[in-house]
Amino acid sequence: MTDGTLRLATRGSALARVQAESVADALATRRRSVELVEVETRGDRLSEELISRLGKTGAFVRALDEEVLAGECDAAVHSMKDMPTEMPDDLRVAGVPERAPSGDVLVSREGGTVADLPSGSVVGTSSLRRKAQVLAARPDLTVEPLRGNVDTRLRKLVAPDLQAEHEARVEEKRDRKGDLTSSDGSEYDRTVEEWFDDLSEFQRRALERELDTEFDAVVLAEAGLRRSGLLDRPEYEVERLERAEFVPAPGQGAIAVTTADRDATEAVHDAVEHQPTRIATTVERTVLKELGGGCIAPIGVGALLQGEHVQVRARILSADGSEEVAANRDLPVRRHADAAAEFAADLRERGAADLIEAAKREADANGEAAREEE
């Protein structure tokens, strides 16, 4: 730490900064001076490339942790589900703050859940896990890749409606030679210019997007929407997906703060550590590590601490959602990591290993990996 100031490495995206600021605020309550340091990651440099084609885990993690290991920063703030299950020996997860809601949501222009979508609807997601789960529930839907930050993906969803209305207004203006008043029978009570001036920045940026695919709905993490302030907007409807069916990614909704220095480790741990979240995410990541799925298999693992037990559900699917191995189990808190490893071994024996190997072969053939954003 320089002059007592703890330097926090973060990505530059809006969501990443919100997460880093929440850690900085917690440290500030302990009278710590904090400086946020933006670090460009490989994932950021490939912002227009489908995330599932990054090919390796840690595309949004490595550059931040390298700053910590090099002593340029004291800690790094990550979305936990971005983190590989293997870490360098000199690096540790010093703090795990209290988790946001860990489940997925369906965002659509018409409202409803996956069961309500008309046959043939196009659903967007950057995650092979979400794709497999959607297809398992509704094989009659089409799932297309969707890349970008949370706000970018939402703008891609709402863009067609805004662009269609803009075109209709421009066309009527052209037909009526600019006289768009309600008194002459116009459908609209404002001019195109007045309508545009009333649009929010979110709507204006959506209006400007060039689209290759028109989406009827997208699947996102609820935590990302909440932290980005995008959960409640008039342009779309948000429906929580049932966690028993749409099992989240390991670590989804959780933040991890990594450190290498002892003083920084103690400072972060004292300020942000939330033991129930630490236990639940340890179970989830242990199952993922033991299954060996890494970033190339559609694996959902969700855990919740309840008294002396950790309730955990896992769902491993084939890429098209047609096959799966799923199970629930209550694990004892006192040995939750070991019990999670035993649970994973049982899943492998029940056929999860075969599904994961098939996913690896398919990923190798397609150059894909299942990393996903919030």
Protein backbone atom coordinates (compact mmCIF):
# COMPACT_ATOMS: atom_id res chain seq x y z
CA MET A 1 0.00 0.00 0.00
CA THR A 2 1.31 3.44 -0.96
CA ASP A 3 0.98 6.11 1.79
CA GLY A 4 -1.69 3.98 3.42
CA THR A 5 -3.84 3.97 0.26
CA LEU A 6 -5.10 0.58 -0.87
CA ARG A 7 -5.13 0.31 -4.67
CA LEU A 8 -7.99 -1.77 -6.07
CA ALA A 9 -7.66 -3.13 -9.60
CA THR A 10 -10.88 -3.25 -11.59
CA ARG A 11 -12.10 -3.57 -15.15
CA GLY A 12 -13.43 -0.39 -16.68
CA SER A 13 -16.96 -1.55 -17.45
CA ALA A 14 -19.83 0.13 -15.60
CA LEU A 15 -20.74 -3.08 -13.78
CA ALA A 16 -17.13 -3.80 -12.78
CA ARG A 17 -16.72 -0.30 -11.40
CA VAL A 18 -19.95 -0.57 -9.39
CA GLN A 19 -18.64 -3.79 -7.84
CA ALA A 20 -15.25 -2.27 -7.11
CA GLU A 21 -16.86 0.83 -5.61
CA SER A 22 -18.91 -1.35 -3.26
CA VAL A 23 -15.66 -2.88 -1.98
CA ALA A 24 -14.07 0.57 -1.72
CA ASP A 25 -17.04 1.82 0.30
CA ALA A 26 -16.71 -1.11 2.72
CA LEU A 27 -13.02 -0.38 3.16
CA ALA A 28 -13.76 3.30 3.68
CA THR A 29 -15.91 2.42 6.70
CA ARG A 30 -12.71 0.99 8.21
CA ARG A 31 -11.01 4.34 7.58
CA ARG A 32 -9.03 3.01 4.64
CA SER A 33 -8.10 5.30 1.78
CA VAL A 34 -8.83 3.52 -1.51
CA GLU A 35 -7.85 4.21 -5.11
CA LEU A 36 -9.54 2.43 -8.02
CA VAL A 37 -7.14 1.46 -10.81
CA GLU A 38 -8.69 0.57 -14.18
CA VAL A 39 -6.97 -2.33 -15.93
CA GLU A 40 -7.73 -3.40 -19.48
CA THR A 41 -8.20 -7.16 -19.78
CA ARG A 42 -8.13 -9.50 -22.72
CA GLY A 43 -11.88 -9.84 -22.47
CA ASP A 44 -12.27 -6.06 -22.74
CA ARG A 45 -10.02 -5.87 -25.80
CA LEU A 46 -12.22 -8.45 -27.50
CA SER A 47 -15.42 -6.64 -26.59
CA GLU A 48 -17.08 -7.34 -29.95
CA GLU A 49 -16.10 -11.00 -30.01
CA LEU A 50 -18.50 -13.59 -28.68
CA ILE A 51 -17.38 -14.35 -25.14
CA SER A 52 -17.78 -18.08 -25.68
CA ARG A 53 -14.96 -17.91 -28.24
CA LEU A 54 -12.33 -16.52 -25.88
CA GLY A 55 -11.06 -20.07 -25.55
CA LYS A 56 -9.68 -19.98 -21.99
CA THR A 57 -10.89 -19.14 -18.52
CA GLY A 58 -9.80 -15.94 -16.88
CA ALA A 59 -10.15 -13.58 -19.84
CA PHE A 60 -11.49 -10.92 -17.46
CA VAL A 61 -9.33 -11.94 -14.49
CA ARG A 62 -5.68 -12.51 -15.36
CA ALA A 63 -4.67 -8.93 -16.13
CA LEU A 64 -6.06 -7.68 -12.82
CA ASP A 65 -4.33 -10.38 -10.79
CA GLU A 66 -1.07 -9.78 -12.62
CA GLU A 67 -1.17 -6.20 -11.33
CA VAL A 68 -1.57 -7.54 -7.79
CA LEU A 69 1.23 -10.08 -8.11
CA ALA A 70 3.51 -7.43 -9.59
CA GLY A 71 2.82 -5.11 -6.67
CA GLU A 72 1.22 -2.44 -8.86
CA CYS A 73 -2.11 -2.91 -7.07
CA ASP A 74 -2.94 -4.23 -3.60
CA ALA A 75 -6.13 -6.08 -4.48
CA ALA A 76 -8.34 -6.94 -7.45
CA VAL A 77 -12.13 -7.08 -7.60
CA HIS A 78 -13.69 -9.83 -9.70
CA SER A 79 -17.05 -11.31 -10.54
CA MET A 80 -16.48 -14.67 -8.91
CA LYS A 81 -17.92 -16.71 -11.74
CA ASP A 82 -15.26 -15.28 -14.07
CA MET A 83 -12.50 -16.76 -11.94
CA PRO A 84 -10.72 -20.01 -12.83
CA THR A 85 -10.87 -22.67 -10.12
CA GLU A 86 -7.04 -22.82 -10.06
CA MET A 87 -5.14 -19.81 -8.71
CA PRO A 88 -1.42 -18.95 -8.45
CA ASP A 89 0.12 -20.01 -5.13
CA ASP A 90 0.94 -16.42 -4.17
CA LEU A 91 -2.64 -15.22 -4.68
CA ARG A 92 -5.60 -15.69 -2.34
CA VAL A 93 -9.26 -14.72 -2.17
CA ALA A 94 -9.04 -12.34 0.78
CA GLY A 95 -12.67 -11.33 0.91
CA VAL A 96 -16.06 -12.48 -0.36
CA PRO A 97 -18.75 -9.82 0.25
CA GLU A 98 -22.40 -10.68 0.81
CA ARG A 99 -23.85 -12.08 -2.38
CA ALA A 100 -26.48 -10.48 -4.59
CA PRO A 101 -29.33 -12.67 -5.91
CA SER A 102 -27.61 -15.53 -7.73
CA GLY A 103 -30.28 -16.60 -10.21
CA ASP A 104 -31.00 -15.82 -13.85
CA VAL A 105 -33.80 -13.69 -15.28
CA LEU A 106 -35.56 -13.63 -18.63
CA VAL A 107 -35.80 -10.13 -20.09
CA SER A 108 -38.32 -9.66 -22.89
CA ARG A 109 -40.32 -6.92 -24.54
CA GLU A 110 -43.63 -8.72 -24.00
CA GLY A 111 -43.11 -10.15 -20.49
CA GLY A 112 -43.49 -13.68 -19.15
CA THR A 113 -41.08 -16.52 -18.60
CA VAL A 114 -39.50 -19.11 -20.92
CA ALA A 115 -42.70 -21.17 -21.02
CA ASP A 116 -44.62 -18.15 -22.35
CA LEU A 117 -42.41 -17.47 -25.39
CA PRO A 118 -44.03 -18.30 -28.75
CA SER A 119 -42.52 -21.24 -30.59
CA GLY A 120 -39.56 -20.17 -32.72
CA SER A 121 -38.74 -17.15 -30.55
CA VAL A 122 -35.10 -16.06 -30.58
CA VAL A 123 -33.38 -15.96 -27.18
CA GLY A 124 -29.99 -14.32 -26.75
CA THR A 125 -27.25 -15.41 -24.35
CA SER A 126 -23.46 -15.50 -24.19
CA SER A 127 -23.49 -18.63 -22.01
CA LEU A 128 -23.47 -22.26 -23.10
CA ARG A 129 -25.04 -23.13 -19.74
CA ARG A 130 -27.97 -20.79 -20.27
CA LYS A 131 -28.35 -21.97 -23.85
CA ALA A 132 -28.51 -25.62 -22.77
CA GLN A 133 -31.00 -24.88 -19.99
CA VAL A 134 -33.28 -22.88 -22.30
CA LEU A 135 -33.22 -25.63 -24.92
CA ALA A 136 -33.86 -28.29 -22.29
CA ALA A 137 -37.01 -26.42 -21.29
CA ARG A 138 -38.05 -25.35 -24.81
CA PRO A 139 -36.33 -27.17 -27.68
CA ASP A 140 -38.63 -25.30 -30.08
CA LEU A 141 -36.85 -22.01 -29.34
CA THR A 142 -33.82 -20.62 -31.17
CA VAL A 143 -30.87 -19.54 -29.03
CA GLU A 144 -28.43 -17.11 -30.63
CA PRO A 145 -25.15 -15.68 -29.29
CA LEU A 146 -25.38 -12.31 -27.57
CA ARG A 147 -22.25 -10.44 -26.50
CA GLY A 148 -21.53 -7.22 -24.65
CA ASN A 149 -21.90 -5.55 -21.29
CA VAL A 150 -25.27 -5.76 -19.54
CA ASP A 151 -26.53 -2.46 -20.94
CA THR A 152 -25.32 -3.37 -24.44
CA ARG A 153 -27.24 -6.66 -24.42
CA LEU A 154 -30.40 -4.93 -23.22
CA ARG A 155 -30.12 -2.28 -25.92
CA LYS A 156 -29.87 -5.02 -28.53
CA LEU A 157 -33.16 -6.40 -27.19
CA VAL A 158 -35.12 -3.14 -27.30
CA ALA A 159 -33.54 -1.68 -30.45
CA PRO A 160 -35.98 -3.21 -32.99
CA ASP A 161 -39.06 -1.63 -31.39
CA LEU A 162 -37.42 1.78 -31.11
CA GLN A 163 -36.08 1.64 -34.65
CA ALA A 164 -39.47 0.56 -36.01
CA GLU A 165 -41.22 3.45 -34.25
CA HIS A 166 -38.60 5.90 -35.46
CA GLU A 167 -38.99 4.68 -39.03
CA ALA A 168 -42.79 4.93 -38.81
CA ARG A 169 -42.59 8.49 -37.52
CA VAL A 170 -40.11 9.50 -40.22
CA GLU A 171 -42.29 7.88 -42.89
CA GLU A 172 -45.40 9.69 -41.73
CA LYS A 173 -43.51 12.96 -41.59
CA ARG A 174 -42.39 12.37 -45.15
CA ASP A 175 -45.94 11.59 -46.27
CA ARG A 176 -47.43 14.61 -44.52
CA LYS A 177 -44.52 16.88 -45.38
CA GLY A 178 -43.63 17.44 -41.76
CA ASP A 179 -47.10 18.27 -40.44
CA LEU A 180 -47.37 15.77 -37.55
CA THR A 181 -50.18 17.12 -35.39
CA SER A 182 -52.93 15.10 -33.79
CA SER A 183 -55.52 17.44 -35.32
CA ASP A 184 -54.84 16.30 -38.88
CA GLY A 185 -55.39 12.62 -38.17
CA SER A 186 -51.78 11.75 -37.42
CA GLU A 187 -51.15 8.71 -35.26
CA TYR A 188 -48.56 10.70 -33.34
CA ASP A 189 -48.99 13.77 -31.15
CA ARG A 190 -45.33 14.84 -31.35
CA THR A 191 -42.90 15.52 -34.14
CA VAL A 192 -40.00 13.15 -34.77
CA GLU A 193 -37.66 15.72 -33.25
CA GLU A 194 -39.79 16.12 -30.11
CA TRP A 195 -40.04 12.33 -29.72
CA PHE A 196 -36.27 11.93 -30.09
CA ASP A 197 -35.55 14.71 -27.60
CA ASP A 198 -37.61 12.85 -24.98
CA LEU A 199 -35.68 9.61 -25.35
CA SER A 200 -33.33 8.55 -22.57
CA GLU A 201 -29.63 8.00 -23.24
CA PHE A 202 -30.30 4.26 -23.03
CA GLN A 203 -32.99 4.53 -25.74
CA ARG A 204 -30.92 6.77 -28.00
CA ARG A 205 -27.98 4.38 -27.94
CA ALA A 206 -30.34 1.49 -28.69
CA LEU A 207 -31.78 3.42 -31.62
CA GLU A 208 -28.29 3.77 -33.12
CA ARG A 209 -27.42 0.06 -33.00
CA GLU A 210 -26.96 -1.97 -36.18
CA LEU A 211 -28.49 -5.40 -35.60
CA ASP A 212 -27.74 -8.72 -37.27
CA THR A 213 -30.25 -10.59 -35.10
CA GLU A 214 -33.59 -9.52 -33.61
CA PHE A 215 -34.07 -11.01 -30.16
CA ASP A 216 -37.42 -11.76 -28.55
CA ALA A 217 -35.80 -12.25 -25.13
CA VAL A 218 -32.42 -12.46 -23.44
CA VAL A 219 -31.26 -14.37 -20.36
CA LEU A 220 -29.09 -12.50 -17.86
CA ALA A 221 -27.98 -12.72 -14.24
CA GLU A 222 -30.27 -10.82 -11.90
CA ALA A 223 -27.24 -9.55 -9.98
CA GLY A 224 -25.85 -7.75 -13.02
CA LEU A 225 -29.15 -6.00 -13.69
CA ARG A 226 -29.50 -4.93 -10.07
CA ARG A 227 -25.95 -3.62 -9.74
CA SER A 228 -26.24 -1.78 -13.05
CA GLY A 229 -29.52 -0.12 -12.07
CA LEU A 230 -31.27 -1.73 -15.05
CA LEU A 231 -33.70 -4.08 -13.32
CA ASP A 232 -36.71 -1.81 -13.68
CA ARG A 233 -37.11 0.03 -16.97
CA PRO A 234 -40.18 0.72 -19.14
CA GLU A 235 -38.66 -0.75 -22.32
CA TYR A 236 -38.78 -4.38 -21.15
CA GLU A 237 -40.14 -6.84 -18.59
CA VAL A 238 -37.99 -8.93 -16.23
CA GLU A 239 -39.05 -12.36 -14.97
CA ARG A 240 -37.06 -14.44 -12.48
CA LEU A 241 -36.33 -17.97 -13.68
CA GLU A 242 -36.95 -20.91 -11.38
CA ARG A 243 -33.62 -21.81 -9.76
CA ALA A 244 -34.46 -25.52 -9.56
CA GLU A 245 -34.57 -25.62 -13.38
CA PHE A 246 -32.30 -22.74 -14.34
CA VAL A 247 -29.44 -23.53 -11.99
CA PRO A 248 -26.96 -20.62 -11.89
CA ALA A 249 -23.27 -20.73 -12.67
CA PRO A 250 -20.94 -21.43 -9.74
CA GLY A 251 -20.19 -18.15 -8.00
CA GLN A 252 -22.87 -16.21 -9.88
CA GLY A 253 -23.86 -13.00 -8.09
CA ALA A 254 -20.79 -13.09 -5.85
CA ILE A 255 -17.74 -10.83 -5.79
CA ALA A 256 -14.22 -12.02 -4.95
CA VAL A 257 -11.37 -9.76 -3.88
CA THR A 258 -7.92 -11.21 -4.47
CA THR A 259 -4.71 -10.15 -2.74
CA ALA A 260 -1.09 -11.24 -2.37
CA ASP A 261 0.18 -9.01 0.45
CA ARG A 262 -0.55 -9.94 4.08
CA ASP A 263 -1.58 -6.43 5.18
CA ALA A 264 -3.92 -6.03 2.21
CA THR A 265 -5.37 -9.47 2.85
CA GLU A 266 -6.23 -8.61 6.45
CA ALA A 267 -7.66 -5.22 5.51
CA VAL A 268 -9.92 -6.66 2.81
CA HIS A 269 -11.03 -9.64 4.87
CA ASP A 270 -11.98 -7.52 7.87
CA ALA A 271 -13.96 -5.07 5.72
CA VAL A 272 -15.95 -7.28 3.34
CA GLU A 273 -15.95 -10.96 4.34
CA HIS A 274 -19.42 -12.58 4.53
CA GLN A 275 -19.05 -16.12 5.83
CA PRO A 276 -22.36 -17.57 4.51
CA THR A 277 -21.46 -16.42 0.99
CA ARG A 278 -17.93 -17.78 1.36
CA ILE A 279 -19.27 -21.21 2.37
CA ALA A 280 -21.90 -21.38 -0.40
CA THR A 281 -19.52 -20.30 -3.15
CA THR A 282 -16.79 -22.65 -1.87
CA VAL A 283 -19.24 -25.52 -2.32
CA GLU A 284 -20.17 -24.39 -5.83
CA ARG A 285 -16.60 -23.88 -7.00
CA THR A 286 -15.44 -27.13 -5.42
CA VAL A 287 -18.09 -29.04 -7.37
CA LEU A 288 -17.03 -27.26 -10.57
CA LYS A 289 -13.35 -27.98 -9.95
CA GLU A 290 -13.91 -31.65 -9.14
CA LEU A 291 -16.13 -32.16 -12.16
CA GLY A 292 -13.36 -30.79 -14.34
CA GLY A 293 -15.78 -28.91 -16.57
CA GLY A 294 -13.77 -25.72 -16.41
CA CYS A 295 -15.15 -23.28 -18.95
CA ILE A 296 -16.34 -25.68 -21.62
CA ALA A 297 -19.32 -27.56 -20.21
CA PRO A 298 -22.88 -26.39 -19.44
CA ILE A 299 -22.70 -26.76 -15.64
CA GLY A 300 -24.99 -25.12 -13.11
CA VAL A 301 -24.30 -25.36 -9.38
CA GLY A 302 -26.23 -23.41 -6.75
CA ALA A 303 -25.72 -23.60 -2.99
CA LEU A 304 -27.43 -21.99 -0.02
CA LEU A 305 -26.37 -22.10 3.62
CA GLN A 306 -29.23 -23.18 5.89
CA GLY A 307 -28.37 -23.78 9.51
CA GLU A 308 -25.94 -26.66 9.87
CA HIS A 309 -26.28 -27.71 6.23
CA VAL A 310 -25.57 -26.34 2.78
CA GLN A 311 -28.29 -27.13 0.27
CA VAL A 312 -26.71 -27.67 -3.15
CA ARG A 313 -28.19 -28.42 -6.53
CA ALA A 314 -26.18 -29.28 -9.63
CA ARG A 315 -27.27 -29.66 -13.24
CA ILE A 316 -24.89 -30.80 -15.98
CA LEU A 317 -26.26 -30.82 -19.52
CA SER A 318 -25.31 -31.64 -23.06
CA ALA A 319 -24.80 -28.62 -25.29
CA ASP A 320 -28.26 -28.95 -26.85
CA GLY A 321 -29.99 -29.60 -23.53
CA SER A 322 -31.25 -33.04 -24.58
CA GLU A 323 -29.28 -34.95 -21.90
CA GLU A 324 -28.52 -34.12 -18.31
CA VAL A 325 -27.42 -35.29 -14.90
CA ALA A 326 -28.97 -33.41 -11.97
CA ALA A 327 -29.05 -33.90 -8.21
CA ASN A 328 -29.69 -32.16 -4.89
CA ARG A 329 -27.92 -32.77 -1.61
CA ASP A 330 -27.64 -31.33 1.91
CA LEU A 331 -23.98 -31.05 2.89
CA PRO A 332 -22.74 -30.61 6.47
CA VAL A 333 -21.31 -27.15 7.05
CA ARG A 334 -18.47 -28.43 9.21
CA ARG A 335 -16.93 -30.26 6.22
CA HIS A 336 -18.62 -28.50 3.33
CA ALA A 337 -15.62 -28.49 0.96
CA ASP A 338 -14.90 -32.20 1.34
CA ALA A 339 -18.61 -33.04 1.11
CA ALA A 340 -18.86 -30.95 -2.08
CA ALA A 341 -15.99 -32.96 -3.61
CA GLU A 342 -17.79 -36.20 -2.72
CA PHE A 343 -21.00 -34.85 -4.27
CA ALA A 344 -19.10 -34.05 -7.47
CA ALA A 345 -17.62 -37.57 -7.55
CA ASP A 346 -21.13 -39.03 -7.36
CA LEU A 347 -22.26 -36.79 -10.22
CA ARG A 348 -19.34 -37.94 -12.35
CA GLU A 349 -20.21 -41.57 -11.74
CA ARG A 350 -23.84 -40.92 -12.64
CA GLY A 351 -22.85 -39.75 -16.11
CA ALA A 352 -21.71 -36.15 -15.65
CA ALA A 353 -18.19 -37.12 -16.73
CA ASP A 354 -19.50 -38.39 -20.07
CA LEU A 355 -21.45 -35.18 -20.71
CA ILE A 356 -18.43 -33.07 -19.83
CA GLU A 357 -16.12 -35.05 -22.10
CA ALA A 358 -18.61 -34.68 -24.94
CA ALA A 359 -18.78 -30.94 -24.27
CA LYS A 360 -14.98 -30.73 -24.37
CA ARG A 361 -14.86 -32.48 -27.73
CA GLU A 362 -17.51 -30.16 -29.12
CA ALA A 363 -15.77 -27.09 -27.69
CA ASP A 364 -12.45 -28.17 -29.20
CA ALA A 365 -14.14 -28.60 -32.56
CA ASN A 366 -15.83 -25.20 -32.38
CA GLY A 367 -13.14 -23.27 -30.52
CA GLU A 368 -15.64 -22.38 -27.82
CA ALA A 369 -15.66 -21.97 -24.06
CA ALA A 370 -18.61 -21.43 -21.78
CA ARG A 371 -17.51 -18.29 -19.97
CA GLU A 372 -20.38 -15.97 -19.29
CA GLU A 373 -20.99 -12.44 -18.12
CA GLU A 374 -23.41 -11.15 -15.50
